[in-house]
Amino acid sequence: SPASSTPMRSSASGACSVTTQPGCVGVWQGPGASCTPNPCPQPPANDHCDQAVAVAVPSTTPGTTAAADVDAGFPSPCGTASITSPGVWNSVIGTGNNMTVSLCNGNTAYDSKISVFCPDCATAVCVNGNDDFCGLQSETSWCSSLGQNYLILVHGFGGDNGPFDLVVSDDGAACPAPVSCVAVP
């Protein structure tokens, strides 16, 4: 996200600009008039990894990747070739069962990707991910460790972004070999 979330306006020399996001330009109404910014879309509350919104098991959580940033610096590939589109973050606590995160419910109308990491943002290890499980939408599963924090990145392909419904579930069966959250050197 940009360093400043408060619009900074200036009407000197007949121009007005809004610096909350690159490319957002306001409209100067003339001498003595206020600067009226064009509406700049605000990033989602869970735009960055450290802002991940906790979700339950089972649950369906609506969200959007529109106006989010592209998340650089995370292990890639992680079930997808790369992270090239805006993404948002959710988190879920492992149940000790096989868990699934899915965008295949018909409410995602763009080419989506999904990546799952653990244990935290600073030392993220790829758990699993997917691009194009059900048509152009994504779904992935993994053997979870009871009580482990998992970070879910919903993103798109080739700049695609938009609304989605994230479905989180588990199969109710304990899994024998949870994915390790320790980075392999």
N, C-alpha and C. Protein backbone atom coordinates (compact mmCIF):
# COMPACT_ATOMS: atom_id res chain seq x y z
N SER A 1 0.83 -1.18 0.00
CA SER A 1 0.00 0.00 0.00
C SER A 1 0.87 1.23 0.00
N PRO A 2 0.36 2.33 -0.49
CA PRO A 2 1.11 3.57 -0.47
C PRO A 2 1.43 3.98 0.96
N ALA A 3 2.46 4.79 1.13
CA ALA A 3 2.89 5.21 2.45
C ALA A 3 1.83 6.04 3.14
N SER A 4 1.07 6.83 2.42
CA SER A 4 0.05 7.69 3.00
C SER A 4 -1.32 7.23 2.55
N SER A 5 -2.24 7.09 3.52
CA SER A 5 -3.59 6.71 3.15
C SER A 5 -4.52 7.91 3.17
N THR A 6 -4.01 9.08 3.53
CA THR A 6 -4.81 10.29 3.53
C THR A 6 -4.52 11.07 2.26
N PRO A 7 -5.55 11.41 1.48
CA PRO A 7 -5.30 12.17 0.25
C PRO A 7 -4.61 13.49 0.56
N MET A 8 -3.59 13.82 -0.20
CA MET A 8 -2.91 15.10 -0.08
C MET A 8 -3.22 15.86 -1.35
N ARG A 9 -3.90 17.00 -1.21
CA ARG A 9 -4.34 17.75 -2.38
C ARG A 9 -3.59 19.06 -2.49
N SER A 10 -3.36 19.47 -3.71
CA SER A 10 -2.78 20.79 -3.93
C SER A 10 -3.40 21.36 -5.19
N SER A 11 -3.72 22.65 -5.14
CA SER A 11 -4.32 23.27 -6.31
C SER A 11 -3.42 24.37 -6.86
N ALA A 12 -2.15 24.33 -6.54
CA ALA A 12 -1.20 25.31 -7.07
C ALA A 12 -1.10 25.15 -8.57
N SER A 13 -0.98 26.23 -9.25
CA SER A 13 -0.83 26.31 -10.71
C SER A 13 -1.95 25.59 -11.47
N GLY A 14 -3.15 25.56 -10.89
CA GLY A 14 -4.29 25.04 -11.62
C GLY A 14 -4.38 23.54 -11.73
N ALA A 15 -3.59 22.82 -10.95
CA ALA A 15 -3.65 21.35 -11.02
C ALA A 15 -3.95 20.79 -9.64
N CYS A 16 -4.54 19.65 -9.61
CA CYS A 16 -4.84 18.99 -8.35
C CYS A 16 -4.47 17.53 -8.48
N SER A 17 -3.74 17.01 -7.55
CA SER A 17 -3.43 15.60 -7.62
C SER A 17 -3.69 14.94 -6.28
N VAL A 18 -4.03 13.69 -6.32
CA VAL A 18 -4.28 12.90 -5.13
C VAL A 18 -3.16 11.87 -5.08
N THR A 19 -2.44 11.83 -3.96
CA THR A 19 -1.26 10.96 -3.89
C THR A 19 -1.50 9.68 -3.10
N THR A 20 -2.75 9.29 -2.87
CA THR A 20 -2.98 8.06 -2.14
C THR A 20 -2.62 6.83 -2.95
N GLN A 21 -2.80 6.90 -4.27
CA GLN A 21 -2.45 5.78 -5.14
C GLN A 21 -1.93 6.33 -6.45
N PRO A 22 -0.93 5.66 -7.03
CA PRO A 22 -0.42 6.14 -8.32
C PRO A 22 -1.53 6.17 -9.36
N GLY A 23 -1.54 7.19 -10.17
CA GLY A 23 -2.51 7.27 -11.26
C GLY A 23 -3.83 7.91 -10.89
N CYS A 24 -4.06 8.19 -9.59
CA CYS A 24 -5.30 8.86 -9.20
C CYS A 24 -5.08 10.36 -9.28
N VAL A 25 -5.85 11.05 -10.10
CA VAL A 25 -5.70 12.49 -10.29
C VAL A 25 -7.04 13.15 -10.02
N GLY A 26 -6.99 14.25 -9.26
CA GLY A 26 -8.21 14.98 -8.93
C GLY A 26 -8.56 16.00 -9.99
N VAL A 27 -9.62 16.73 -9.75
CA VAL A 27 -10.12 17.74 -10.68
C VAL A 27 -10.08 19.10 -9.99
N TRP A 28 -9.34 20.03 -10.56
CA TRP A 28 -9.27 21.38 -9.99
C TRP A 28 -10.44 22.17 -10.53
N GLN A 29 -11.21 22.79 -9.64
CA GLN A 29 -12.43 23.48 -10.02
C GLN A 29 -12.23 24.96 -10.32
N GLY A 30 -11.01 25.48 -10.22
CA GLY A 30 -10.74 26.89 -10.50
C GLY A 30 -10.25 27.62 -9.28
N PRO A 31 -9.79 28.90 -9.45
CA PRO A 31 -9.26 29.68 -8.34
C PRO A 31 -10.28 29.79 -7.20
N GLY A 32 -9.81 29.53 -5.99
CA GLY A 32 -10.66 29.65 -4.81
C GLY A 32 -11.56 28.45 -4.56
N ALA A 33 -11.61 27.52 -5.49
CA ALA A 33 -12.47 26.34 -5.31
C ALA A 33 -11.65 25.20 -4.71
N SER A 34 -12.34 24.28 -4.11
CA SER A 34 -11.64 23.15 -3.52
C SER A 34 -11.28 22.13 -4.60
N CYS A 35 -10.34 21.33 -4.28
CA CYS A 35 -9.91 20.25 -5.17
C CYS A 35 -10.81 19.04 -4.90
N THR A 36 -11.45 18.53 -5.92
CA THR A 36 -12.32 17.37 -5.77
C THR A 36 -11.61 16.17 -6.39
N PRO A 37 -11.19 15.22 -5.57
CA PRO A 37 -10.47 14.09 -6.14
C PRO A 37 -11.40 13.14 -6.89
N ASN A 38 -10.86 12.54 -7.93
CA ASN A 38 -11.57 11.43 -8.54
C ASN A 38 -11.59 10.30 -7.53
N PRO A 39 -12.62 9.48 -7.56
CA PRO A 39 -12.62 8.40 -6.57
C PRO A 39 -11.48 7.42 -6.82
N CYS A 40 -10.69 7.20 -5.80
CA CYS A 40 -9.60 6.23 -5.88
C CYS A 40 -10.06 4.99 -5.13
N PRO A 41 -10.02 3.85 -5.76
CA PRO A 41 -10.42 2.65 -5.02
C PRO A 41 -9.46 2.40 -3.87
N GLN A 42 -10.00 2.10 -2.72
CA GLN A 42 -9.19 1.81 -1.55
C GLN A 42 -8.83 0.32 -1.55
N PRO A 43 -7.62 -0.01 -1.12
CA PRO A 43 -7.24 -1.42 -1.08
C PRO A 43 -8.06 -2.16 -0.02
N PRO A 44 -8.28 -3.46 -0.21
CA PRO A 44 -9.00 -4.24 0.79
C PRO A 44 -8.26 -4.24 2.13
N ALA A 45 -8.98 -4.45 3.21
CA ALA A 45 -8.39 -4.45 4.56
C ALA A 45 -7.33 -5.53 4.72
N ASN A 46 -7.43 -6.62 3.96
CA ASN A 46 -6.47 -7.72 4.06
C ASN A 46 -5.52 -7.76 2.86
N ASP A 47 -5.12 -6.57 2.40
CA ASP A 47 -4.24 -6.44 1.24
C ASP A 47 -2.86 -7.06 1.45
N HIS A 48 -2.32 -6.96 2.66
CA HIS A 48 -0.98 -7.47 2.93
C HIS A 48 -1.03 -8.65 3.88
N CYS A 49 -0.01 -9.48 3.83
CA CYS A 49 0.04 -10.70 4.63
C CYS A 49 -0.21 -10.44 6.11
N ASP A 50 0.42 -9.40 6.66
CA ASP A 50 0.24 -9.12 8.09
C ASP A 50 -1.15 -8.59 8.43
N GLN A 51 -2.00 -8.43 7.43
CA GLN A 51 -3.39 -7.99 7.64
C GLN A 51 -4.38 -9.14 7.36
N ALA A 52 -3.88 -10.38 7.33
CA ALA A 52 -4.73 -11.54 7.01
C ALA A 52 -5.94 -11.59 7.93
N VAL A 53 -7.09 -11.85 7.33
CA VAL A 53 -8.35 -11.96 8.07
C VAL A 53 -8.58 -13.44 8.39
N ALA A 54 -8.79 -13.74 9.68
CA ALA A 54 -9.02 -15.12 10.10
C ALA A 54 -10.37 -15.62 9.62
N VAL A 55 -10.38 -16.86 9.14
CA VAL A 55 -11.61 -17.52 8.71
C VAL A 55 -11.74 -18.83 9.47
N ALA A 56 -12.97 -19.31 9.59
CA ALA A 56 -13.26 -20.53 10.33
C ALA A 56 -13.31 -21.73 9.39
N VAL A 57 -13.36 -22.92 10.01
CA VAL A 57 -13.54 -24.17 9.27
C VAL A 57 -14.81 -24.82 9.80
N PRO A 58 -15.83 -25.02 9.01
CA PRO A 58 -15.99 -24.61 7.61
C PRO A 58 -16.49 -23.17 7.54
N SER A 59 -16.28 -22.55 6.39
CA SER A 59 -16.79 -21.19 6.19
C SER A 59 -16.78 -20.84 4.71
N THR A 60 -17.58 -19.83 4.37
CA THR A 60 -17.54 -19.19 3.06
C THR A 60 -17.39 -17.71 3.33
N THR A 61 -16.31 -17.12 2.81
CA THR A 61 -15.97 -15.73 3.08
C THR A 61 -15.87 -14.95 1.78
N PRO A 62 -16.71 -13.91 1.60
CA PRO A 62 -16.58 -13.08 0.40
C PRO A 62 -15.37 -12.16 0.51
N GLY A 63 -14.80 -11.81 -0.64
CA GLY A 63 -13.67 -10.89 -0.67
C GLY A 63 -13.48 -10.36 -2.07
N THR A 64 -12.46 -9.52 -2.22
CA THR A 64 -12.09 -9.01 -3.54
C THR A 64 -10.60 -8.75 -3.58
N THR A 65 -10.02 -8.94 -4.75
CA THR A 65 -8.62 -8.59 -4.98
C THR A 65 -8.49 -7.26 -5.71
N ALA A 66 -9.63 -6.65 -6.08
CA ALA A 66 -9.61 -5.36 -6.77
C ALA A 66 -8.95 -4.32 -5.88
N ALA A 67 -8.06 -3.52 -6.44
CA ALA A 67 -7.33 -2.44 -5.78
C ALA A 67 -6.27 -2.93 -4.80
N ALA A 68 -6.01 -4.24 -4.77
CA ALA A 68 -4.96 -4.78 -3.90
C ALA A 68 -3.61 -4.67 -4.60
N ASP A 69 -2.55 -4.88 -3.83
CA ASP A 69 -1.19 -4.88 -4.37
C ASP A 69 -0.81 -6.29 -4.82
N VAL A 70 0.22 -6.38 -5.66
CA VAL A 70 0.82 -7.66 -6.01
C VAL A 70 1.78 -8.01 -4.88
N ASP A 71 1.72 -9.23 -4.39
CA ASP A 71 2.50 -9.66 -3.23
C ASP A 71 3.83 -10.26 -3.66
N ALA A 72 4.88 -9.45 -3.62
CA ALA A 72 6.21 -9.90 -4.01
C ALA A 72 6.94 -10.44 -2.78
N GLY A 73 7.93 -11.27 -3.00
CA GLY A 73 8.78 -11.72 -1.91
C GLY A 73 8.33 -12.99 -1.23
N PHE A 74 7.28 -13.63 -1.70
CA PHE A 74 6.84 -14.89 -1.11
C PHE A 74 7.35 -16.03 -1.96
N PRO A 75 7.56 -17.22 -1.34
CA PRO A 75 8.08 -18.34 -2.11
C PRO A 75 7.24 -18.60 -3.36
N SER A 76 7.92 -18.69 -4.49
CA SER A 76 7.24 -18.93 -5.75
C SER A 76 8.14 -19.83 -6.58
N PRO A 77 7.64 -20.83 -7.23
CA PRO A 77 6.23 -21.11 -7.36
C PRO A 77 5.66 -21.76 -6.10
N CYS A 78 4.39 -21.56 -5.88
CA CYS A 78 3.67 -22.19 -4.76
C CYS A 78 2.35 -22.69 -5.32
N GLY A 79 2.43 -23.73 -6.13
CA GLY A 79 1.26 -24.28 -6.77
C GLY A 79 0.84 -23.51 -8.00
N THR A 80 1.48 -22.38 -8.22
CA THR A 80 1.24 -21.54 -9.40
C THR A 80 2.61 -21.12 -9.92
N ALA A 81 2.70 -20.77 -11.18
CA ALA A 81 3.99 -20.41 -11.75
C ALA A 81 4.62 -19.21 -11.06
N SER A 82 3.79 -18.23 -10.69
CA SER A 82 4.32 -17.01 -10.07
C SER A 82 3.16 -16.21 -9.49
N ILE A 83 3.53 -15.16 -8.74
CA ILE A 83 2.54 -14.22 -8.19
C ILE A 83 2.64 -12.96 -9.02
N THR A 84 1.66 -12.74 -9.92
CA THR A 84 1.73 -11.63 -10.88
C THR A 84 0.53 -10.70 -10.82
N SER A 85 -0.43 -10.97 -9.95
CA SER A 85 -1.65 -10.18 -9.90
C SER A 85 -1.95 -9.77 -8.47
N PRO A 86 -2.81 -8.77 -8.29
CA PRO A 86 -3.18 -8.35 -6.94
C PRO A 86 -3.72 -9.53 -6.13
N GLY A 87 -3.43 -9.50 -4.83
CA GLY A 87 -3.89 -10.57 -3.96
C GLY A 87 -4.28 -10.07 -2.58
N VAL A 88 -5.08 -10.88 -1.90
CA VAL A 88 -5.48 -10.60 -0.51
C VAL A 88 -5.26 -11.85 0.33
N TRP A 89 -5.22 -11.65 1.64
CA TRP A 89 -4.82 -12.69 2.58
C TRP A 89 -5.91 -13.04 3.58
N ASN A 90 -6.03 -14.34 3.85
CA ASN A 90 -6.84 -14.85 4.94
C ASN A 90 -5.96 -15.81 5.72
N SER A 91 -6.37 -16.16 6.93
CA SER A 91 -5.63 -17.16 7.71
C SER A 91 -6.63 -18.15 8.29
N VAL A 92 -6.14 -19.36 8.53
CA VAL A 92 -6.97 -20.40 9.12
C VAL A 92 -6.08 -21.25 10.00
N ILE A 93 -6.66 -21.77 11.08
CA ILE A 93 -5.92 -22.63 11.99
C ILE A 93 -6.15 -24.09 11.60
N GLY A 94 -5.07 -24.85 11.51
CA GLY A 94 -5.14 -26.25 11.11
C GLY A 94 -5.97 -27.09 12.05
N THR A 95 -6.70 -28.04 11.50
CA THR A 95 -7.58 -28.92 12.26
C THR A 95 -6.96 -30.29 12.52
N GLY A 96 -5.84 -30.59 11.86
CA GLY A 96 -5.25 -31.92 11.92
C GLY A 96 -5.82 -32.84 10.86
N ASN A 97 -6.75 -32.31 10.05
CA ASN A 97 -7.38 -33.07 8.97
C ASN A 97 -6.89 -32.53 7.63
N ASN A 98 -7.30 -33.21 6.55
CA ASN A 98 -7.05 -32.68 5.21
C ASN A 98 -7.95 -31.47 5.02
N MET A 99 -7.35 -30.33 4.74
CA MET A 99 -8.09 -29.09 4.57
C MET A 99 -8.12 -28.70 3.09
N THR A 100 -9.18 -27.98 2.70
CA THR A 100 -9.33 -27.51 1.32
C THR A 100 -9.74 -26.05 1.35
N VAL A 101 -9.15 -25.25 0.45
CA VAL A 101 -9.59 -23.88 0.19
C VAL A 101 -9.97 -23.83 -1.29
N SER A 102 -11.13 -23.24 -1.57
CA SER A 102 -11.66 -23.31 -2.94
C SER A 102 -12.30 -21.99 -3.37
N LEU A 103 -12.15 -21.69 -4.65
CA LEU A 103 -12.82 -20.56 -5.30
C LEU A 103 -13.77 -21.09 -6.38
N CYS A 104 -14.12 -22.37 -6.32
CA CYS A 104 -14.87 -23.05 -7.37
C CYS A 104 -16.39 -22.98 -7.20
N ASN A 105 -16.90 -22.04 -6.45
CA ASN A 105 -18.34 -21.99 -6.16
C ASN A 105 -19.14 -21.16 -7.14
N GLY A 106 -18.52 -20.68 -8.21
CA GLY A 106 -19.24 -19.91 -9.22
C GLY A 106 -19.26 -18.41 -8.99
N ASN A 107 -18.69 -17.95 -7.88
CA ASN A 107 -18.70 -16.50 -7.59
C ASN A 107 -17.38 -15.82 -7.93
N THR A 108 -16.46 -16.53 -8.58
CA THR A 108 -15.19 -15.96 -9.02
C THR A 108 -15.22 -15.92 -10.54
N ALA A 109 -15.30 -14.71 -11.11
CA ALA A 109 -15.50 -14.57 -12.56
C ALA A 109 -14.23 -14.17 -13.30
N TYR A 110 -13.07 -14.47 -12.72
CA TYR A 110 -11.80 -14.16 -13.37
C TYR A 110 -10.86 -15.36 -13.19
N ASP A 111 -9.75 -15.36 -13.88
CA ASP A 111 -8.77 -16.43 -13.80
C ASP A 111 -8.03 -16.29 -12.47
N SER A 112 -8.38 -17.14 -11.52
CA SER A 112 -7.84 -17.01 -10.16
C SER A 112 -6.68 -17.96 -9.91
N LYS A 113 -5.95 -17.67 -8.84
CA LYS A 113 -4.91 -18.54 -8.30
C LYS A 113 -5.08 -18.53 -6.78
N ILE A 114 -4.61 -19.59 -6.14
CA ILE A 114 -4.65 -19.64 -4.68
C ILE A 114 -3.35 -20.28 -4.21
N SER A 115 -2.73 -19.70 -3.17
CA SER A 115 -1.50 -20.23 -2.60
C SER A 115 -1.64 -20.26 -1.09
N VAL A 116 -1.13 -21.32 -0.45
CA VAL A 116 -1.21 -21.47 1.00
C VAL A 116 0.21 -21.55 1.54
N PHE A 117 0.47 -20.75 2.61
CA PHE A 117 1.78 -20.68 3.24
C PHE A 117 1.64 -20.91 4.74
N CYS A 118 2.75 -21.21 5.40
CA CYS A 118 2.81 -21.26 6.86
C CYS A 118 4.26 -20.99 7.26
N PRO A 119 4.65 -20.74 8.46
CA PRO A 119 3.82 -20.49 9.62
C PRO A 119 3.42 -19.02 9.77
N ASP A 120 4.21 -18.09 9.15
CA ASP A 120 3.89 -16.67 9.29
C ASP A 120 4.42 -15.90 8.09
N CYS A 121 4.16 -14.60 8.07
CA CYS A 121 4.54 -13.77 6.91
C CYS A 121 6.05 -13.65 6.75
N ALA A 122 6.78 -13.56 7.87
CA ALA A 122 8.21 -13.33 7.81
C ALA A 122 8.99 -14.56 7.37
N THR A 123 8.48 -15.75 7.68
CA THR A 123 9.20 -16.98 7.35
C THR A 123 8.29 -17.92 6.56
N ALA A 124 7.57 -17.37 5.59
CA ALA A 124 6.58 -18.13 4.83
C ALA A 124 7.19 -19.31 4.09
N VAL A 125 6.56 -20.47 4.26
CA VAL A 125 6.93 -21.69 3.56
C VAL A 125 5.72 -22.09 2.73
N CYS A 126 5.93 -22.46 1.46
CA CYS A 126 4.83 -22.88 0.61
C CYS A 126 4.28 -24.21 1.10
N VAL A 127 2.96 -24.26 1.28
CA VAL A 127 2.27 -25.50 1.65
C VAL A 127 1.72 -26.16 0.39
N ASN A 128 0.95 -25.39 -0.38
CA ASN A 128 0.37 -25.89 -1.62
C ASN A 128 -0.32 -24.72 -2.32
N GLY A 129 -0.69 -24.92 -3.57
CA GLY A 129 -1.39 -23.89 -4.32
C GLY A 129 -1.94 -24.47 -5.60
N ASN A 130 -2.69 -23.62 -6.34
CA ASN A 130 -3.30 -24.11 -7.56
C ASN A 130 -3.68 -22.95 -8.47
N ASP A 131 -3.64 -23.24 -9.75
CA ASP A 131 -4.16 -22.37 -10.80
C ASP A 131 -4.98 -23.29 -11.72
N ASP A 132 -6.24 -22.97 -11.93
CA ASP A 132 -7.09 -23.70 -12.89
C ASP A 132 -7.48 -25.11 -12.45
N PHE A 133 -8.10 -25.24 -11.28
CA PHE A 133 -8.59 -26.54 -10.80
C PHE A 133 -9.95 -26.86 -11.41
N CYS A 134 -10.83 -25.86 -11.46
CA CYS A 134 -12.19 -26.04 -11.97
C CYS A 134 -12.42 -24.95 -13.01
N GLY A 135 -12.03 -25.23 -14.24
CA GLY A 135 -12.02 -24.19 -15.27
C GLY A 135 -10.88 -23.25 -14.96
N LEU A 136 -11.15 -21.95 -14.90
CA LEU A 136 -10.11 -20.96 -14.59
C LEU A 136 -10.05 -20.62 -13.10
N GLN A 137 -10.86 -21.29 -12.28
CA GLN A 137 -10.85 -21.03 -10.84
C GLN A 137 -9.95 -22.05 -10.14
N SER A 138 -9.69 -21.77 -8.86
CA SER A 138 -8.65 -22.51 -8.15
C SER A 138 -9.17 -23.20 -6.89
N GLU A 139 -8.50 -24.30 -6.55
CA GLU A 139 -8.78 -25.05 -5.32
C GLU A 139 -7.53 -25.83 -4.97
N THR A 140 -7.22 -25.91 -3.68
CA THR A 140 -6.08 -26.72 -3.25
C THR A 140 -6.36 -27.33 -1.89
N SER A 141 -5.72 -28.46 -1.62
CA SER A 141 -5.88 -29.18 -0.36
C SER A 141 -4.50 -29.50 0.22
N TRP A 142 -4.46 -29.72 1.54
CA TRP A 142 -3.21 -30.10 2.21
C TRP A 142 -3.53 -30.81 3.51
N CYS A 143 -2.57 -31.57 3.99
CA CYS A 143 -2.66 -32.25 5.27
C CYS A 143 -2.23 -31.25 6.33
N SER A 144 -3.18 -30.82 7.18
CA SER A 144 -2.89 -29.75 8.15
C SER A 144 -2.42 -30.33 9.48
N SER A 145 -1.69 -29.50 10.19
CA SER A 145 -1.23 -29.83 11.54
C SER A 145 -2.15 -29.12 12.53
N LEU A 146 -2.64 -29.83 13.52
CA LEU A 146 -3.56 -29.27 14.51
C LEU A 146 -2.95 -28.04 15.18
N GLY A 147 -3.66 -26.92 15.12
CA GLY A 147 -3.23 -25.68 15.75
C GLY A 147 -2.28 -24.82 14.95
N GLN A 148 -1.81 -25.30 13.81
CA GLN A 148 -0.86 -24.54 12.97
C GLN A 148 -1.59 -23.42 12.23
N ASN A 149 -0.97 -22.25 12.13
CA ASN A 149 -1.51 -21.13 11.37
C ASN A 149 -1.15 -21.30 9.90
N TYR A 150 -2.16 -21.16 9.03
CA TYR A 150 -1.95 -21.21 7.58
C TYR A 150 -2.42 -19.89 6.98
N LEU A 151 -1.64 -19.37 6.04
CA LEU A 151 -1.94 -18.12 5.36
C LEU A 151 -2.40 -18.42 3.94
N ILE A 152 -3.54 -17.88 3.55
CA ILE A 152 -4.15 -18.16 2.25
C ILE A 152 -4.07 -16.89 1.40
N LEU A 153 -3.38 -16.97 0.27
CA LEU A 153 -3.28 -15.84 -0.66
C LEU A 153 -4.19 -16.13 -1.85
N VAL A 154 -5.22 -15.31 -2.03
CA VAL A 154 -6.07 -15.37 -3.22
C VAL A 154 -5.55 -14.32 -4.18
N HIS A 155 -5.18 -14.73 -5.39
CA HIS A 155 -4.64 -13.80 -6.39
C HIS A 155 -5.12 -14.24 -7.76
N GLY A 156 -4.66 -13.60 -8.80
CA GLY A 156 -5.14 -13.90 -10.14
C GLY A 156 -4.02 -14.20 -11.10
N PHE A 157 -4.40 -14.45 -12.34
CA PHE A 157 -3.45 -14.72 -13.42
C PHE A 157 -3.38 -13.51 -14.33
N GLY A 158 -2.18 -13.10 -14.70
CA GLY A 158 -1.98 -12.06 -15.71
C GLY A 158 -2.67 -10.74 -15.41
N GLY A 159 -2.72 -10.33 -14.15
CA GLY A 159 -3.35 -9.07 -13.78
C GLY A 159 -4.82 -9.18 -13.44
N ASP A 160 -5.43 -10.35 -13.65
CA ASP A 160 -6.86 -10.52 -13.34
C ASP A 160 -7.11 -10.30 -11.86
N ASN A 161 -8.26 -9.71 -11.55
CA ASN A 161 -8.65 -9.46 -10.17
C ASN A 161 -10.16 -9.27 -10.11
N GLY A 162 -10.70 -9.29 -8.90
CA GLY A 162 -12.13 -9.08 -8.71
C GLY A 162 -12.65 -9.79 -7.49
N PRO A 163 -13.98 -9.87 -7.38
CA PRO A 163 -14.60 -10.49 -6.21
C PRO A 163 -14.50 -12.02 -6.25
N PHE A 164 -14.64 -12.62 -5.07
CA PHE A 164 -14.61 -14.08 -4.93
C PHE A 164 -15.32 -14.47 -3.64
N ASP A 165 -15.64 -15.75 -3.52
CA ASP A 165 -16.08 -16.36 -2.27
C ASP A 165 -15.08 -17.46 -1.96
N LEU A 166 -14.39 -17.35 -0.83
CA LEU A 166 -13.41 -18.34 -0.40
C LEU A 166 -14.11 -19.37 0.47
N VAL A 167 -14.11 -20.62 0.04
CA VAL A 167 -14.71 -21.71 0.81
C VAL A 167 -13.59 -22.50 1.48
N VAL A 168 -13.67 -22.63 2.81
CA VAL A 168 -12.69 -23.37 3.60
C VAL A 168 -13.40 -24.56 4.23
N SER A 169 -12.79 -25.74 4.08
CA SER A 169 -13.40 -26.94 4.65
C SER A 169 -12.32 -27.95 5.03
N ASP A 170 -12.73 -28.98 5.74
CA ASP A 170 -11.85 -30.13 5.94
C ASP A 170 -12.68 -31.39 5.76
N ASP A 171 -12.01 -32.51 5.54
CA ASP A 171 -12.74 -33.74 5.22
C ASP A 171 -13.11 -34.55 6.46
N GLY A 172 -12.76 -34.08 7.66
CA GLY A 172 -13.13 -34.76 8.89
C GLY A 172 -12.26 -35.95 9.23
N ALA A 173 -11.30 -36.28 8.39
CA ALA A 173 -10.42 -37.43 8.63
C ALA A 173 -9.02 -36.95 8.99
N ALA A 174 -8.51 -37.43 10.12
CA ALA A 174 -7.16 -37.05 10.53
C ALA A 174 -6.16 -37.49 9.45
N CYS A 175 -5.21 -36.63 9.17
CA CYS A 175 -4.22 -36.99 8.16
C CYS A 175 -2.91 -37.36 8.84
N PRO A 176 -2.20 -38.34 8.30
CA PRO A 176 -1.04 -38.90 8.98
C PRO A 176 0.26 -38.10 8.87
N ALA A 177 0.40 -37.27 7.85
CA ALA A 177 1.69 -36.60 7.63
C ALA A 177 1.48 -35.12 7.28
N PRO A 178 1.27 -34.27 8.29
CA PRO A 178 1.08 -32.85 8.00
C PRO A 178 2.28 -32.24 7.28
N VAL A 179 2.00 -31.25 6.44
CA VAL A 179 3.05 -30.53 5.72
C VAL A 179 3.92 -29.78 6.74
N SER A 180 5.22 -29.82 6.57
CA SER A 180 6.14 -29.13 7.47
C SER A 180 6.17 -27.63 7.19
N CYS A 181 6.19 -26.85 8.23
CA CYS A 181 6.27 -25.38 8.09
C CYS A 181 7.69 -24.88 8.33
N VAL A 182 8.66 -25.77 8.25
CA VAL A 182 10.05 -25.40 8.41
C VAL A 182 10.67 -25.31 7.01
N ALA A 183 11.31 -24.20 6.74
CA ALA A 183 11.94 -24.01 5.44
C ALA A 183 13.09 -24.98 5.25
N VAL A 184 13.17 -25.56 4.06
CA VAL A 184 14.26 -26.45 3.71
C VAL A 184 15.35 -25.61 3.05
N PRO A 185 16.58 -25.61 3.61
CA PRO A 185 17.64 -24.77 3.04
C PRO A 185 18.02 -25.16 1.64
